[in-house]
Amino acid sequence: VGLDPVARHGVWEHVRALQRSAGMTILITTHYMQEADELCGRIAII
C-alpha cells in the first residue's frame, strides 16, 4: 500500500524469493487483486 508499480513489483519479487530460498510460510493481506492473483497459491476472501 502506498507504493508505485515499480516498488510494488520489487516487493513481490522479494516475497517469491523468500518462499523459494527459505521455504517460508507467508500470509499476505491485500486489496490489490493482481497482487493476490500473481503471488498467492490460495486465497481467502473476507
PDB file of all heavy atoms in Angstrom:
ATOM      1  N   VAL A   1       0.840  -1.193   0.000  1.00  0.00           N
ATOM      2  CA  VAL A   1       0.000   0.000   0.000  1.00  0.00           C
ATOM      3  C   VAL A   1       0.879   1.248   0.000  1.00  0.00           C
ATOM      4  O   VAL A   1       1.883   1.331   0.704  1.00  0.00           O
ATOM      5  CB  VAL A   1      -0.964   0.010   1.209  1.00  0.00           C
ATOM      6  CG1 VAL A   1      -0.225   0.165   2.525  1.00  0.00           C
ATOM      7  CG2 VAL A   1      -2.009   1.117   1.060  1.00  0.00           C
ATOM      8  N   GLY A   2       0.556   2.198  -0.850  1.00  0.00           N
ATOM      9  CA  GLY A   2       1.320   3.437  -0.926  1.00  0.00           C
ATOM     10  C   GLY A   2       2.534   3.370  -1.823  1.00  0.00           C
ATOM     11  O   GLY A   2       3.256   4.365  -1.944  1.00  0.00           O
ATOM     12  N   LEU A   3       2.774   2.219  -2.473  1.00  0.00           N
ATOM     13  CA  LEU A   3       3.952   2.078  -3.330  1.00  0.00           C
ATOM     14  C   LEU A   3       3.573   2.243  -4.802  1.00  0.00           C
ATOM     15  O   LEU A   3       2.471   1.885  -5.218  1.00  0.00           O
ATOM     16  CB  LEU A   3       4.597   0.704  -3.131  1.00  0.00           C
ATOM     17  CG  LEU A   3       5.083   0.355  -1.718  1.00  0.00           C
ATOM     18  CD1 LEU A   3       5.801  -0.986  -1.753  1.00  0.00           C
ATOM     19  CD2 LEU A   3       5.981   1.438  -1.156  1.00  0.00           C
ATOM     20  N   ASP A   4       4.527   2.754  -5.583  1.00  0.00           N
ATOM     21  CA  ASP A   4       4.299   2.860  -7.022  1.00  0.00           C
ATOM     22  C   ASP A   4       4.461   1.471  -7.646  1.00  0.00           C
ATOM     23  O   ASP A   4       4.942   0.538  -6.996  1.00  0.00           O
ATOM     24  CB  ASP A   4       5.263   3.867  -7.655  1.00  0.00           C
ATOM     25  CG  ASP A   4       6.726   3.481  -7.477  1.00  0.00           C
ATOM     26  OD1 ASP A   4       7.109   2.373  -7.902  1.00  0.00           O
ATOM     27  OD2 ASP A   4       7.487   4.291  -6.917  1.00  0.00           O
ATOM     28  N   PRO A   5       4.043   1.280  -8.909  1.00  0.00           N
ATOM     29  CA  PRO A   5       4.082  -0.052  -9.531  1.00  0.00           C
ATOM     30  C   PRO A   5       5.460  -0.698  -9.537  1.00  0.00           C
ATOM     31  O   PRO A   5       5.578  -1.917  -9.361  1.00  0.00           O
ATOM     32  CB  PRO A   5       3.582   0.213 -10.951  1.00  0.00           C
ATOM     33  CG  PRO A   5       2.688   1.408 -10.810  1.00  0.00           C
ATOM     34  CD  PRO A   5       3.340   2.267  -9.768  1.00  0.00           C
ATOM     35  N   VAL A   6       6.516   0.093  -9.739  1.00  0.00           N
ATOM     36  CA  VAL A   6       7.863  -0.473  -9.763  1.00  0.00           C
ATOM     37  C   VAL A   6       8.247  -1.001  -8.385  1.00  0.00           C
ATOM     38  O   VAL A   6       8.764  -2.121  -8.240  1.00  0.00           O
ATOM     39  CB  VAL A   6       8.888   0.573 -10.240  1.00  0.00           C
ATOM     40  CG1 VAL A   6      10.303   0.027 -10.118  1.00  0.00           C
ATOM     41  CG2 VAL A   6       8.604   0.979 -11.684  1.00  0.00           C
ATOM     42  N   ALA A   7       8.002  -0.205  -7.343  1.00  0.00           N
ATOM     43  CA  ALA A   7       8.315  -0.634  -5.978  1.00  0.00           C
ATOM     44  C   ALA A   7       7.464  -1.837  -5.575  1.00  0.00           C
ATOM     45  O   ALA A   7       7.938  -2.760  -4.897  1.00  0.00           O
ATOM     46  CB  ALA A   7       8.098   0.514  -5.005  1.00  0.00           C
ATOM     47  N   ARG A   8       6.205  -1.829  -6.011  1.00  0.00           N
ATOM     48  CA  ARG A   8       5.311  -2.944  -5.695  1.00  0.00           C
ATOM     49  C   ARG A   8       5.844  -4.234  -6.306  1.00  0.00           C
ATOM     50  O   ARG A   8       5.871  -5.280  -5.660  1.00  0.00           O
ATOM     51  CB  ARG A   8       3.915  -2.633  -6.236  1.00  0.00           C
ATOM     52  CG  ARG A   8       2.848  -3.636  -5.827  1.00  0.00           C
ATOM     53  CD  ARG A   8       1.499  -3.207  -6.349  1.00  0.00           C
ATOM     54  NE  ARG A   8       1.153  -1.886  -5.859  1.00  0.00           N
ATOM     55  CZ  ARG A   8       0.316  -1.059  -6.478  1.00  0.00           C
ATOM     56  NH1 ARG A   8      -0.245  -1.415  -7.616  1.00  0.00           N
ATOM     57  NH2 ARG A   8       0.039   0.119  -5.948  1.00  0.00           N
ATOM     58  N   HIS A   9       6.305  -4.159  -7.547  1.00  0.00           N
ATOM     59  CA  HIS A   9       6.865  -5.334  -8.212  1.00  0.00           C
ATOM     60  C   HIS A   9       8.099  -5.835  -7.467  1.00  0.00           C
ATOM     61  O   HIS A   9       8.315  -7.045  -7.345  1.00  0.00           O
ATOM     62  CB  HIS A   9       7.227  -4.988  -9.657  1.00  0.00           C
ATOM     63  CG  HIS A   9       7.806  -6.135 -10.427  1.00  0.00           C
ATOM     64  ND1 HIS A   9       7.046  -7.192 -10.885  1.00  0.00           N
ATOM     65  CD2 HIS A   9       9.093  -6.417 -10.790  1.00  0.00           C
ATOM     66  CE1 HIS A   9       7.830  -8.057 -11.514  1.00  0.00           C
ATOM     67  NE2 HIS A   9       9.067  -7.614 -11.471  1.00  0.00           N
ATOM     68  N   GLY A  10       8.913  -4.901  -6.950  1.00  0.00           N
ATOM     69  CA  GLY A  10      10.087  -5.286  -6.185  1.00  0.00           C
ATOM     70  C   GLY A  10       9.735  -6.067  -4.936  1.00  0.00           C
ATOM     71  O   GLY A  10      10.393  -7.059  -4.602  1.00  0.00           O
ATOM     72  N   VAL A  11       8.685  -5.641  -4.233  1.00  0.00           N
ATOM     73  CA  VAL A  11       8.242  -6.363  -3.039  1.00  0.00           C
ATOM     74  C   VAL A  11       7.763  -7.758  -3.431  1.00  0.00           C
ATOM     75  O   VAL A  11       8.044  -8.748  -2.747  1.00  0.00           O
ATOM     76  CB  VAL A  11       7.133  -5.579  -2.307  1.00  0.00           C
ATOM     77  CG1 VAL A  11       6.524  -6.424  -1.186  1.00  0.00           C
ATOM     78  CG2 VAL A  11       7.681  -4.280  -1.735  1.00  0.00           C
ATOM     79  N   TRP A  12       7.031  -7.870  -4.539  1.00  0.00           N
ATOM     80  CA  TRP A  12       6.575  -9.179  -4.994  1.00  0.00           C
ATOM     81  C   TRP A  12       7.757 -10.118  -5.220  1.00  0.00           C
ATOM     82  O   TRP A  12       7.702 -11.300  -4.854  1.00  0.00           O
ATOM     83  CB  TRP A  12       5.807  -9.042  -6.313  1.00  0.00           C
ATOM     84  CG  TRP A  12       4.509  -8.318  -6.223  1.00  0.00           C
ATOM     85  CD1 TRP A  12       3.929  -7.775  -5.104  1.00  0.00           C
ATOM     86  CD2 TRP A  12       3.618  -8.053  -7.303  1.00  0.00           C
ATOM     87  NE1 TRP A  12       2.738  -7.174  -5.440  1.00  0.00           N
ATOM     88  CE2 TRP A  12       2.510  -7.324  -6.770  1.00  0.00           C
ATOM     89  CE3 TRP A  12       3.630  -8.329  -8.660  1.00  0.00           C
ATOM     90  CZ2 TRP A  12       1.453  -6.887  -7.557  1.00  0.00           C
ATOM     91  CZ3 TRP A  12       2.570  -7.909  -9.445  1.00  0.00           C
ATOM     92  CH2 TRP A  12       1.494  -7.202  -8.906  1.00  0.00           C
ATOM     93  N   GLU A  13       8.808  -9.592  -5.840  1.00  0.00           N
ATOM     94  CA  GLU A  13       9.974 -10.425  -6.108  1.00  0.00           C
ATOM     95  C   GLU A  13      10.623 -10.900  -4.813  1.00  0.00           C
ATOM     96  O   GLU A  13      11.092 -12.042  -4.718  1.00  0.00           O
ATOM     97  CB  GLU A  13      10.990  -9.648  -6.960  1.00  0.00           C
ATOM     98  CG  GLU A  13      10.562  -9.480  -8.404  1.00  0.00           C
ATOM     99  CD  GLU A  13      10.277 -10.814  -9.078  1.00  0.00           C
ATOM    100  OE1 GLU A  13      11.142 -11.710  -9.014  1.00  0.00           O
ATOM    101  OE2 GLU A  13       9.174 -10.975  -9.642  1.00  0.00           O
ATOM    102  N   HIS A  14      10.655 -10.029  -3.803  1.00  0.00           N
ATOM    103  CA  HIS A  14      11.211 -10.426  -2.507  1.00  0.00           C
ATOM    104  C   HIS A  14      10.390 -11.554  -1.892  1.00  0.00           C
ATOM    105  O   HIS A  14      10.946 -12.498  -1.316  1.00  0.00           O
ATOM    106  CB  HIS A  14      11.249  -9.233  -1.557  1.00  0.00           C
ATOM    107  CG  HIS A  14      12.230  -8.171  -1.948  1.00  0.00           C
ATOM    108  ND1 HIS A  14      13.449  -8.448  -2.519  1.00  0.00           N
ATOM    109  CD2 HIS A  14      12.171  -6.807  -1.828  1.00  0.00           C
ATOM    110  CE1 HIS A  14      14.102  -7.318  -2.748  1.00  0.00           C
ATOM    111  NE2 HIS A  14      13.350  -6.328  -2.343  1.00  0.00           N
ATOM    112  N   VAL A  15       9.070 -11.455  -1.992  1.00  0.00           N
ATOM    113  CA  VAL A  15       8.195 -12.487  -1.437  1.00  0.00           C
ATOM    114  C   VAL A  15       8.444 -13.823  -2.126  1.00  0.00           C
ATOM    115  O   VAL A  15       8.584 -14.871  -1.474  1.00  0.00           O
ATOM    116  CB  VAL A  15       6.717 -12.078  -1.571  1.00  0.00           C
ATOM    117  CG1 VAL A  15       5.799 -13.246  -1.198  1.00  0.00           C
ATOM    118  CG2 VAL A  15       6.409 -10.876  -0.680  1.00  0.00           C
ATOM    119  N   ARG A  16       8.531 -13.803  -3.439  1.00  0.00           N
ATOM    120  CA  ARG A  16       8.796 -15.041  -4.181  1.00  0.00           C
ATOM    121  C   ARG A  16      10.147 -15.636  -3.790  1.00  0.00           C
ATOM    122  O   ARG A  16      10.283 -16.859  -3.643  1.00  0.00           O
ATOM    123  CB  ARG A  16       8.770 -14.764  -5.682  1.00  0.00           C
ATOM    124  CG  ARG A  16       7.395 -14.378  -6.227  1.00  0.00           C
ATOM    125  CD  ARG A  16       7.419 -14.298  -7.741  1.00  0.00           C
ATOM    126  NE  ARG A  16       6.151 -13.865  -8.293  1.00  0.00           N
ATOM    127  CZ  ARG A  16       5.895 -12.628  -8.728  1.00  0.00           C
ATOM    128  NH1 ARG A  16       6.849 -11.707  -8.670  1.00  0.00           N
ATOM    129  NH2 ARG A  16       4.719 -12.307  -9.217  1.00  0.00           N
ATOM    130  N   ALA A  17      11.147 -14.766  -3.619  1.00  0.00           N
ATOM    131  CA  ALA A  17      12.481 -15.238  -3.255  1.00  0.00           C
ATOM    132  C   ALA A  17      12.488 -15.882  -1.873  1.00  0.00           C
ATOM    133  O   ALA A  17      13.152 -16.898  -1.647  1.00  0.00           O
ATOM    134  CB  ALA A  17      13.480 -14.085  -3.303  1.00  0.00           C
ATOM    135  N   LEU A  18      11.759 -15.309  -0.928  1.00  0.00           N
ATOM    136  CA  LEU A  18      11.687 -15.872   0.421  1.00  0.00           C
ATOM    137  C   LEU A  18      11.064 -17.255   0.393  1.00  0.00           C
ATOM    138  O   LEU A  18      11.510 -18.172   1.092  1.00  0.00           O
ATOM    139  CB  LEU A  18      10.865 -14.950   1.328  1.00  0.00           C
ATOM    140  CG  LEU A  18      11.523 -13.644   1.758  1.00  0.00           C
ATOM    141  CD1 LEU A  18      10.528 -12.780   2.515  1.00  0.00           C
ATOM    142  CD2 LEU A  18      12.748 -13.913   2.615  1.00  0.00           C
ATOM    143  N   GLN A  19      10.025 -17.405  -0.395  1.00  0.00           N
ATOM    144  CA  GLN A  19       9.379 -18.707  -0.477  1.00  0.00           C
ATOM    145  C   GLN A  19      10.307 -19.742  -1.115  1.00  0.00           C
ATOM    146  O   GLN A  19      10.412 -20.872  -0.638  1.00  0.00           O
ATOM    147  CB  GLN A  19       8.082 -18.612  -1.271  1.00  0.00           C
ATOM    148  CG  GLN A  19       7.303 -19.935  -1.281  1.00  0.00           C
ATOM    149  CD  GLN A  19       6.195 -19.947  -2.303  1.00  0.00           C
ATOM    150  OE1 GLN A  19       6.284 -19.320  -3.351  1.00  0.00           O
ATOM    151  NE2 GLN A  19       5.126 -20.671  -1.991  1.00  0.00           N
ATOM    152  N   ARG A  20      11.018 -19.334  -2.173  1.00  0.00           N
ATOM    153  CA  ARG A  20      11.894 -20.269  -2.876  1.00  0.00           C
ATOM    154  C   ARG A  20      13.108 -20.658  -2.039  1.00  0.00           C
ATOM    155  O   ARG A  20      13.449 -21.838  -1.928  1.00  0.00           O
ATOM    156  CB  ARG A  20      12.372 -19.659  -4.203  1.00  0.00           C
ATOM    157  CG  ARG A  20      11.305 -19.572  -5.279  1.00  0.00           C
ATOM    158  CD  ARG A  20      11.950 -19.273  -6.623  1.00  0.00           C
ATOM    159  NE  ARG A  20      12.736 -18.038  -6.590  1.00  0.00           N
ATOM    160  CZ  ARG A  20      12.279 -16.854  -6.961  1.00  0.00           C
ATOM    161  NH1 ARG A  20      11.031 -16.726  -7.379  1.00  0.00           N
ATOM    162  NH2 ARG A  20      13.048 -15.780  -6.912  1.00  0.00           N
ATOM    163  N   SER A  21      13.755 -19.665  -1.438  1.00  0.00           N
ATOM    164  CA  SER A  21      15.026 -19.925  -0.771  1.00  0.00           C
ATOM    165  C   SER A  21      14.869 -20.452   0.646  1.00  0.00           C
ATOM    166  O   SER A  21      15.652 -21.288   1.094  1.00  0.00           O
ATOM    167  CB  SER A  21      15.872 -18.650  -0.745  1.00  0.00           C
ATOM    168  OG  SER A  21      15.243 -17.649   0.029  1.00  0.00           O
ATOM    169  N   ALA A  22      13.870 -19.954   1.368  1.00  0.00           N
ATOM    170  CA  ALA A  22      13.724 -20.317   2.771  1.00  0.00           C
ATOM    171  C   ALA A  22      12.540 -21.233   3.047  1.00  0.00           C
ATOM    172  O   ALA A  22      12.394 -21.738   4.157  1.00  0.00           O
ATOM    173  CB  ALA A  22      13.592 -19.046   3.624  1.00  0.00           C
ATOM    174  N   GLY A  23      11.684 -21.455   2.050  1.00  0.00           N
ATOM    175  CA  GLY A  23      10.506 -22.278   2.271  1.00  0.00           C
ATOM    176  C   GLY A  23       9.587 -21.677   3.316  1.00  0.00           C
ATOM    177  O   GLY A  23       8.858 -22.389   4.017  1.00  0.00           O
ATOM    178  N   MET A  24       9.614 -20.349   3.430  1.00  0.00           N
ATOM    179  CA  MET A  24       8.858 -19.665   4.471  1.00  0.00           C
ATOM    180  C   MET A  24       7.360 -19.674   4.179  1.00  0.00           C
ATOM    181  O   MET A  24       6.938 -19.567   3.027  1.00  0.00           O
ATOM    182  CB  MET A  24       9.362 -18.228   4.596  1.00  0.00           C
ATOM    183  CG  MET A  24       8.864 -17.488   5.816  1.00  0.00           C
ATOM    184  SD  MET A  24       9.642 -15.849   5.921  1.00  0.00           S
ATOM    185  CE  MET A  24      11.336 -16.316   6.243  1.00  0.00           C
ATOM    186  N   THR A  25       6.571 -19.829   5.209  1.00  0.00           N
ATOM    187  CA  THR A  25       5.123 -19.701   5.102  1.00  0.00           C
ATOM    188  C   THR A  25       4.778 -18.222   5.216  1.00  0.00           C
ATOM    189  O   THR A  25       5.190 -17.561   6.172  1.00  0.00           O
ATOM    190  CB  THR A  25       4.423 -20.496   6.212  1.00  0.00           C
ATOM    191  OG1 THR A  25       4.846 -21.854   6.146  1.00  0.00           O
ATOM    192  CG2 THR A  25       2.909 -20.414   6.078  1.00  0.00           C
ATOM    193  N   ILE A  26       4.017 -17.701   4.256  1.00  0.00           N
ATOM    194  CA  ILE A  26       3.742 -16.266   4.204  1.00  0.00           C
ATOM    195  C   ILE A  26       2.241 -16.037   4.066  1.00  0.00           C
ATOM    196  O   ILE A  26       1.597 -16.613   3.187  1.00  0.00           O
ATOM    197  CB  ILE A  26       4.482 -15.602   3.027  1.00  0.00           C
ATOM    198  CG1 ILE A  26       5.994 -15.852   3.134  1.00  0.00           C
ATOM    199  CG2 ILE A  26       4.195 -14.103   2.985  1.00  0.00           C
ATOM    200  CD1 ILE A  26       6.785 -15.368   1.929  1.00  0.00           C
ATOM    201  N   LEU A  27       1.691 -15.225   4.948  1.00  0.00           N
ATOM    202  CA  LEU A  27       0.297 -14.800   4.842  1.00  0.00           C
ATOM    203  C   LEU A  27       0.279 -13.313   4.531  1.00  0.00           C
ATOM    204  O   LEU A  27       0.848 -12.513   5.275  1.00  0.00           O
ATOM    205  CB  LEU A  27      -0.473 -15.097   6.127  1.00  0.00           C
ATOM    206  CG  LEU A  27      -1.989 -14.901   6.034  1.00  0.00           C
ATOM    207  CD1 LEU A  27      -2.723 -15.840   6.987  1.00  0.00           C
ATOM    208  CD2 LEU A  27      -2.418 -13.463   6.326  1.00  0.00           C
ATOM    209  N   ILE A  28      -0.374 -12.958   3.423  1.00  0.00           N
ATOM    210  CA  ILE A  28      -0.421 -11.572   2.955  1.00  0.00           C
ATOM    211  C   ILE A  28      -1.860 -11.095   2.944  1.00  0.00           C
ATOM    212  O   ILE A  28      -2.752 -11.780   2.435  1.00  0.00           O
ATOM    213  CB  ILE A  28       0.154 -11.467   1.522  1.00  0.00           C
ATOM    214  CG1 ILE A  28       1.618 -11.876   1.485  1.00  0.00           C
ATOM    215  CG2 ILE A  28       0.000 -10.058   0.980  1.00  0.00           C
ATOM    216  CD1 ILE A  28       2.205 -11.910   0.083  1.00  0.00           C
ATOM    217  N   THR A  29      -2.114  -9.918   3.499  1.00  0.00           N
ATOM    218  CA  THR A  29      -3.408  -9.282   3.302  1.00  0.00           C
ATOM    219  C   THR A  29      -3.250  -8.211   2.233  1.00  0.00           C
ATOM    220  O   THR A  29      -2.211  -7.545   2.152  1.00  0.00           O
ATOM    221  CB  THR A  29      -3.943  -8.620   4.587  1.00  0.00           C
ATOM    222  OG1 THR A  29      -3.195  -7.439   4.874  1.00  0.00           O
ATOM    223  CG2 THR A  29      -3.871  -9.568   5.769  1.00  0.00           C
ATOM    224  N   THR A  30      -4.259  -8.073   1.419  1.00  0.00           N
ATOM    225  CA  THR A  30      -4.198  -7.067   0.353  1.00  0.00           C
ATOM    226  C   THR A  30      -5.596  -6.796  -0.175  1.00  0.00           C
ATOM    227  O   THR A  30      -6.517  -7.598   0.016  1.00  0.00           O
ATOM    228  CB  THR A  30      -3.289  -7.537  -0.798  1.00  0.00           C
ATOM    229  OG1 THR A  30      -3.171  -6.500  -1.773  1.00  0.00           O
ATOM    230  CG2 THR A  30      -3.831  -8.797  -1.459  1.00  0.00           C
ATOM    231  N   HIS A  31      -5.774  -5.636  -0.814  1.00  0.00           N
ATOM    232  CA  HIS A  31      -6.983  -5.434  -1.606  1.00  0.00           C
ATOM    233  C   HIS A  31      -6.631  -5.207  -3.068  1.00  0.00           C
ATOM    234  O   HIS A  31      -7.469  -4.792  -3.857  1.00  0.00           O
ATOM    235  CB  HIS A  31      -7.849  -4.293  -1.056  1.00  0.00           C
ATOM    236  CG  HIS A  31      -7.134  -2.993  -0.880  1.00  0.00           C
ATOM    237  ND1 HIS A  31      -7.006  -2.378   0.342  1.00  0.00           N
ATOM    238  CD2 HIS A  31      -6.510  -2.188  -1.765  1.00  0.00           C
ATOM    239  CE1 HIS A  31      -6.343  -1.242   0.195  1.00  0.00           C
ATOM    240  NE2 HIS A  31      -6.033  -1.113  -1.072  1.00  0.00           N
ATOM    241  N   TYR A  32      -5.359  -5.501  -3.428  1.00  0.00           N
ATOM    242  CA  TYR A  32      -4.940  -5.467  -4.825  1.00  0.00           C
ATOM    243  C   TYR A  32      -5.140  -6.862  -5.429  1.00  0.00           C
ATOM    244  O   TYR A  32      -4.438  -7.810  -5.074  1.00  0.00           O
ATOM    245  CB  TYR A  32      -3.472  -5.067  -4.944  1.00  0.00           C
ATOM    246  CG  TYR A  32      -3.164  -3.661  -4.501  1.00  0.00           C
ATOM    247  CD1 TYR A  32      -2.157  -3.418  -3.581  1.00  0.00           C
ATOM    248  CD2 TYR A  32      -3.871  -2.567  -5.008  1.00  0.00           C
ATOM    249  CE1 TYR A  32      -1.851  -2.116  -3.167  1.00  0.00           C
ATOM    250  CE2 TYR A  32      -3.579  -1.271  -4.603  1.00  0.00           C
ATOM    251  CZ  TYR A  32      -2.570  -1.055  -3.689  1.00  0.00           C
ATOM    252  OH  TYR A  32      -2.273   0.217  -3.287  1.00  0.00           O
ATOM    253  N   MET A  33      -6.084  -6.982  -6.336  1.00  0.00           N
ATOM    254  CA  MET A  33      -6.407  -8.287  -6.898  1.00  0.00           C
ATOM    255  C   MET A  33      -5.258  -8.866  -7.724  1.00  0.00           C
ATOM    256  O   MET A  33      -4.993 -10.066  -7.678  1.00  0.00           O
ATOM    257  CB  MET A  33      -7.670  -8.200  -7.763  1.00  0.00           C
ATOM    258  CG  MET A  33      -8.920  -7.812  -7.002  1.00  0.00           C
ATOM    259  SD  MET A  33      -9.370  -8.975  -5.681  1.00  0.00           S
ATOM    260  CE  MET A  33      -8.916  -7.995  -4.229  1.00  0.00           C
ATOM    261  N   GLN A  34      -4.556  -8.029  -8.481  1.00  0.00           N
ATOM    262  CA  GLN A  34      -3.446  -8.521  -9.292  1.00  0.00           C
ATOM    263  C   GLN A  34      -2.356  -9.110  -8.399  1.00  0.00           C
ATOM    264  O   GLN A  34      -1.764 -10.147  -8.698  1.00  0.00           O
ATOM    265  CB  GLN A  34      -2.860  -7.408 -10.155  1.00  0.00           C
ATOM    266  CG  GLN A  34      -1.710  -7.876 -11.049  1.00  0.00           C
ATOM    267  CD  GLN A  34      -1.012  -6.731 -11.764  1.00  0.00           C
ATOM    268  OE1 GLN A  34      -1.333  -5.561 -11.555  1.00  0.00           O
ATOM    269  NE2 GLN A  34      -0.037  -7.063 -12.603  1.00  0.00           N
ATOM    270  N   GLU A  35      -2.098  -8.435  -7.291  1.00  0.00           N
ATOM    271  CA  GLU A  35      -1.098  -8.901  -6.337  1.00  0.00           C
ATOM    272  C   GLU A  35      -1.451 -10.284  -5.814  1.00  0.00           C
ATOM    273  O   GLU A  35      -0.618 -11.203  -5.804  1.00  0.00           O
ATOM    274  CB  GLU A  35      -1.023  -7.900  -5.188  1.00  0.00           C
ATOM    275  CG  GLU A  35       0.036  -8.161  -4.153  1.00  0.00           C
ATOM    276  CD  GLU A  35       0.215  -6.949  -3.264  1.00  0.00           C
ATOM    277  OE1 GLU A  35       1.024  -6.084  -3.622  1.00  0.00           O
ATOM    278  OE2 GLU A  35      -0.469  -6.850  -2.232  1.00  0.00           O
ATOM    279  N   ALA A  36      -2.696 -10.445  -5.389  1.00  0.00           N
ATOM    280  CA  ALA A  36      -3.134 -11.732  -4.859  1.00  0.00           C
ATOM    281  C   ALA A  36      -3.083 -12.818  -5.929  1.00  0.00           C
ATOM    282  O   ALA A  36      -2.657 -13.948  -5.675  1.00  0.00           O
ATOM    283  CB  ALA A  36      -4.549 -11.602  -4.304  1.00  0.00           C
ATOM    284  N   ASP A  37      -3.506 -12.475  -7.143  1.00  0.00           N
ATOM    285  CA  ASP A  37      -3.557 -13.439  -8.238  1.00  0.00           C
ATOM    286  C   ASP A  37      -2.160 -13.953  -8.591  1.00  0.00           C
ATOM    287  O   ASP A  37      -1.958 -15.143  -8.856  1.00  0.00           O
ATOM    288  CB  ASP A  37      -4.197 -12.777  -9.457  1.00  0.00           C
ATOM    289  CG  ASP A  37      -4.794 -13.782 -10.428  1.00  0.00           C
ATOM    290  OD1 ASP A  37      -4.571 -14.998 -10.239  1.00  0.00           O
ATOM    291  OD2 ASP A  37      -5.482 -13.365 -11.372  1.00  0.00           O
ATOM    292  N   GLU A  38      -1.178 -13.065  -8.590  1.00  0.00           N
ATOM    293  CA  GLU A  38       0.171 -13.446  -9.015  1.00  0.00           C
ATOM    294  C   GLU A  38       0.995 -14.098  -7.906  1.00  0.00           C
ATOM    295  O   GLU A  38       1.861 -14.932  -8.179  1.00  0.00           O
ATOM    296  CB  GLU A  38       0.913 -12.213  -9.544  1.00  0.00           C
ATOM    297  CG  GLU A  38       0.327 -11.667 -10.831  1.00  0.00           C
ATOM    298  CD  GLU A  38       1.266 -10.713 -11.531  1.00  0.00           C
ATOM    299  OE1 GLU A  38       2.473 -10.703 -11.203  1.00  0.00           O
ATOM    300  OE2 GLU A  38       0.797  -9.973 -12.392  1.00  0.00           O
ATOM    301  N   LEU A  39       0.758 -13.715  -6.656  1.00  0.00           N
ATOM    302  CA  LEU A  39       1.619 -14.169  -5.563  1.00  0.00           C
ATOM    303  C   LEU A  39       1.123 -15.408  -4.840  1.00  0.00           C
ATOM    304  O   LEU A  39       1.925 -16.227  -4.391  1.00  0.00           O
ATOM    305  CB  LEU A  39       1.779 -13.055  -4.528  1.00  0.00           C
ATOM    306  CG  LEU A  39       2.724 -11.907  -4.819  1.00  0.00           C
ATOM    307  CD1 LEU A  39       2.718 -10.935  -3.660  1.00  0.00           C
ATOM    308  CD2 LEU A  39       4.135 -12.428  -5.061  1.00  0.00           C
ATOM    309  N   CYS A  40      -0.184 -15.549  -4.716  1.00  0.00           N
ATOM    310  CA  CYS A  40      -0.737 -16.489  -3.739  1.00  0.00           C
ATOM    311  C   CYS A  40      -1.147 -17.814  -4.359  1.00  0.00           C
ATOM    312  O   CYS A  40      -1.810 -17.854  -5.406  1.00  0.00           O
ATOM    313  CB  CYS A  40      -1.943 -15.862  -3.040  1.00  0.00           C
ATOM    314  SG  CYS A  40      -1.550 -14.299  -2.213  1.00  0.00           S
ATOM    315  N   GLY A  41      -0.769 -18.903  -3.680  1.00  0.00           N
ATOM    316  CA  GLY A  41      -1.214 -20.219  -4.110  1.00  0.00           C
ATOM    317  C   GLY A  41      -2.683 -20.416  -3.833  1.00  0.00           C
ATOM    318  O   GLY A  41      -3.411 -21.019  -4.629  1.00  0.00           O
ATOM    319  N   ARG A  42      -3.131 -19.928  -2.674  1.00  0.00           N
ATOM    320  CA  ARG A  42      -4.557 -19.954  -2.331  1.00  0.00           C
ATOM    321  C   ARG A  42      -4.947 -18.609  -1.725  1.00  0.00           C
ATOM    322  O   ARG A  42      -4.099 -17.870  -1.206  1.00  0.00           O
ATOM    323  CB  ARG A  42      -4.874 -21.074  -1.347  1.00  0.00           C
ATOM    324  CG  ARG A  42      -4.799 -22.468  -1.957  1.00  0.00           C
ATOM    325  CD  ARG A  42      -5.329 -23.517  -0.998  1.00  0.00           C
ATOM    326  NE  ARG A  42      -4.625 -23.463   0.280  1.00  0.00           N
ATOM    327  CZ  ARG A  42      -5.226 -23.470   1.474  1.00  0.00           C
ATOM    328  NH1 ARG A  42      -6.545 -23.520   1.563  1.00  0.00           N
ATOM    329  NH2 ARG A  42      -4.515 -23.431   2.582  1.00  0.00           N
ATOM    330  N   ILE A  43      -6.229 -18.346  -1.747  1.00  0.00           N
ATOM    331  CA  ILE A  43      -6.753 -17.059  -1.292  1.00  0.00           C
ATOM    332  C   ILE A  43      -8.019 -17.281  -0.477  1.00  0.00           C
ATOM    333  O   ILE A  43      -8.859 -18.122  -0.835  1.00  0.00           O
ATOM    334  CB  ILE A  43      -7.084 -16.145  -2.489  1.00  0.00           C
ATOM    335  CG1 ILE A  43      -5.818 -15.739  -3.242  1.00  0.00           C
ATOM    336  CG2 ILE A  43      -7.857 -14.901  -2.046  1.00  0.00           C
ATOM    337  CD1 ILE A  43      -6.091 -15.082  -4.573  1.00  0.00           C
ATOM    338  N   ALA A  44      -8.156 -16.525   0.606  1.00  0.00           N
ATOM    339  CA  ALA A  44      -9.423 -16.449   1.330  1.00  0.00           C
ATOM    340  C   ALA A  44      -9.990 -15.049   1.112  1.00  0.00           C
ATOM    341  O   ALA A  44      -9.289 -14.058   1.300  1.00  0.00           O
ATOM    342  CB  ALA A  44      -9.221 -16.720   2.821  1.00  0.00           C
ATOM    343  N   ILE A  45     -11.241 -14.979   0.696  1.00  0.00           N
ATOM    344  CA  ILE A  45     -11.923 -13.704   0.528  1.00  0.00           C
ATOM    345  C   ILE A  45     -12.720 -13.436   1.791  1.00  0.00           C
ATOM    346  O   ILE A  45     -13.528 -14.267   2.220  1.00  0.00           O
ATOM    347  CB  ILE A  45     -12.853 -13.726  -0.700  1.00  0.00           C
ATOM    348  CG1 ILE A  45     -12.044 -13.914  -1.983  1.00  0.00           C
ATOM    349  CG2 ILE A  45     -13.670 -12.430  -0.772  1.00  0.00           C
ATOM    350  CD1 ILE A  45     -12.894 -14.054  -3.229  1.00  0.00           C
ATOM    351  N   ILE A  46     -12.470 -12.287   2.409  1.00  0.00           N
ATOM    352  CA  ILE A  46     -13.170 -11.928   3.637  1.00  0.00           C
ATOM    353  C   ILE A  46     -14.083 -10.741   3.381  1.00  0.00           C
ATOM    354  O   ILE A  46     -13.701  -9.774   2.713  1.00  0.00           O
ATOM    355  CB  ILE A  46     -12.176 -11.638   4.790  1.00  0.00           C
ATOM    356  CG1 ILE A  46     -12.922 -11.365   6.094  1.00  0.00           C
ATOM    357  CG2 ILE A  46     -11.217 -10.508   4.437  1.00  0.00           C
ATOM    358  CD1 ILE A  46     -12.023 -11.325   7.321  1.00  0.00           C
TER     359      ILE A  46
END
